[in-house]
Protein backbone atom coordinates (compact mmCIF):
# COMPACT_ATOMS: atom_id res chain seq x y z
CA MET A 1 44.93 131.39 33.65
CA GLN A 2 41.78 131.66 31.57
CA HIS A 3 38.87 129.25 31.89
CA ASN A 4 36.38 128.27 29.26
CA SER A 5 32.98 129.69 29.95
CA ARG A 6 29.72 128.10 28.88
CA CYS A 7 26.94 129.21 26.54
CA LEU A 8 24.23 130.89 28.59
CA TYR A 9 21.54 129.06 26.61
CA CYS A 10 22.74 125.52 25.83
CA ASN A 11 25.62 125.28 28.33
CA LYS A 12 28.19 124.15 25.72
CA LEU A 13 31.79 125.11 26.34
CA LEU A 14 32.83 128.30 24.59
CA PRO A 15 36.27 129.00 23.18
CA ILE A 16 38.63 131.05 25.33
CA SER A 17 38.23 134.68 24.35
CA THR A 18 41.04 136.62 22.76
CA PRO A 19 42.71 139.02 25.21
CA GLY A 20 41.30 142.52 24.79
CA HIS A 21 38.02 141.23 23.34
CA ARG A 22 34.75 140.73 25.08
CA ALA A 23 34.05 137.13 26.08
CA CYS A 24 31.36 135.31 24.13
CA GLN A 25 28.17 134.54 26.00
CA TYR A 26 26.56 132.25 23.40
CA CYS A 27 27.98 129.61 21.10
CA ASN A 28 26.09 130.90 18.04
CA ASP A 29 23.33 133.24 16.86
CA ALA A 30 20.65 130.56 17.27
CA CYS A 31 21.43 130.28 21.01
CA ARG A 32 21.63 134.07 21.38
CA LYS A 33 18.21 134.52 19.76
CA ALA A 34 16.65 131.62 21.66
CA ALA A 35 17.90 133.11 24.93
CA SER A 36 16.45 136.46 23.94
CA ARG A 37 13.08 134.88 23.17
CA ARG A 38 13.13 133.03 26.49
CA ARG A 39 13.91 136.26 28.41
CA LYS A 40 11.12 138.08 26.59
CA ALA A 41 8.63 135.27 27.30
CA MET A 42 9.60 135.21 30.98
CA THR A 43 9.21 138.99 31.27
CA HIS A 44 5.85 138.78 29.50
CA ALA A 45 4.73 135.98 31.83
CA ILE A 46 5.69 138.01 34.90
CA THR A 47 3.75 140.99 33.56
CA LEU A 48 0.68 138.81 32.94
CA GLN A 49 0.96 137.30 36.42
CA GLN A 50 0.99 140.81 37.90
CA GLN A 51 -2.15 141.69 35.95
CA TRP A 52 -3.83 138.49 37.15
CA ASN A 53 -3.21 139.19 40.85
CA ILE A 54 -6.51 141.08 41.18
CA LEU A 55 -8.55 138.24 39.65
CA PRO A 56 -10.23 135.37 41.50
CA ALA A 57 -8.21 132.13 41.70
CA ALA A 58 -10.44 130.31 39.18
CA ALA A 59 -9.89 133.04 36.57
CA ARG A 60 -6.12 132.99 37.16
CA GLU A 61 -6.06 129.21 36.72
CA ARG A 62 -7.96 129.44 33.42
CA LEU A 63 -5.63 132.16 32.15
CA GLU A 64 -2.61 130.03 33.10
CA THR A 65 -4.15 127.14 31.15
CA ILE A 66 -4.65 129.42 28.14
CA GLN A 67 -1.04 130.56 28.41
CA ASP A 68 0.27 126.97 28.66
CA ARG A 69 -1.83 125.65 25.76
CA TYR A 70 -1.86 128.60 23.37
CA GLY A 71 1.04 130.84 24.41
CA PRO A 72 1.48 134.27 26.01
CA GLU A 73 -0.17 136.18 23.15
CA ALA A 74 -3.45 134.30 23.64
CA ALA A 75 -3.24 134.83 27.40
CA GLN A 76 -2.67 138.55 26.85
CA LEU A 77 -5.73 138.77 24.57
CA ALA A 78 -7.85 136.93 27.15
CA THR A 79 -6.55 139.25 29.88
CA GLU A 80 -7.45 142.31 27.81
CA ALA A 81 -10.95 140.92 27.18
CA ILE A 82 -11.44 140.36 30.92
CA ARG A 83 -10.20 143.89 31.63
CA GLU A 84 -12.66 145.37 29.11
CA VAL A 85 -15.59 143.44 30.58
CA PHE A 86 -14.50 144.38 34.11
CA THR A 87 -14.21 148.06 33.17
CA GLU A 88 -17.61 147.99 31.47
CA SER A 89 -19.19 146.36 34.52
CA LEU A 90 -17.68 148.91 36.89
CA THR A 91 -18.90 151.74 34.69
CA GLN A 92 -22.44 150.32 34.82
CA VAL A 93 -22.24 149.94 38.61
CA PHE A 94 -21.15 153.57 38.99
CA ARG A 95 -23.97 154.73 36.70
CA ILE A 96 -26.53 152.79 38.71
CA ALA A 97 -25.12 154.11 41.99
CA HIS A 98 -25.16 157.67 40.65
CA THR A 99 -28.74 157.27 39.38
CA PHE A 100 -29.83 155.79 42.70
CA ARG A 101 -28.20 158.62 44.63
CA PHE A 102 -29.74 161.21 42.30
CA CYS A 103 -33.22 159.65 42.61
CA LYS A 104 -32.88 159.39 46.41
CA GLN A 105 -32.09 163.12 46.69
CA SER A 106 -35.15 164.16 44.64
């Protein structure tokens, strides 16, 4: 006995699949594409959250606000800007430390 399955996006009942054919997962292309966009956004959000783990809580909260208000692309741009500033700052710290060490040895 075959049972109707449901659309993975909107949860509508799907027609019973023809024997020998793969069962449908979505009721139409719009649901298939929407599900794909949702999966991509969730994956992107997880990736951003992993990048934010090294940041202070206040910075993470602001990035989450940016993501909620303006979307994942804006949050990614803000994350990249923070990374560039962070990298620049570390480079300057290492230069100062190297200069200090060099001057101390002289």
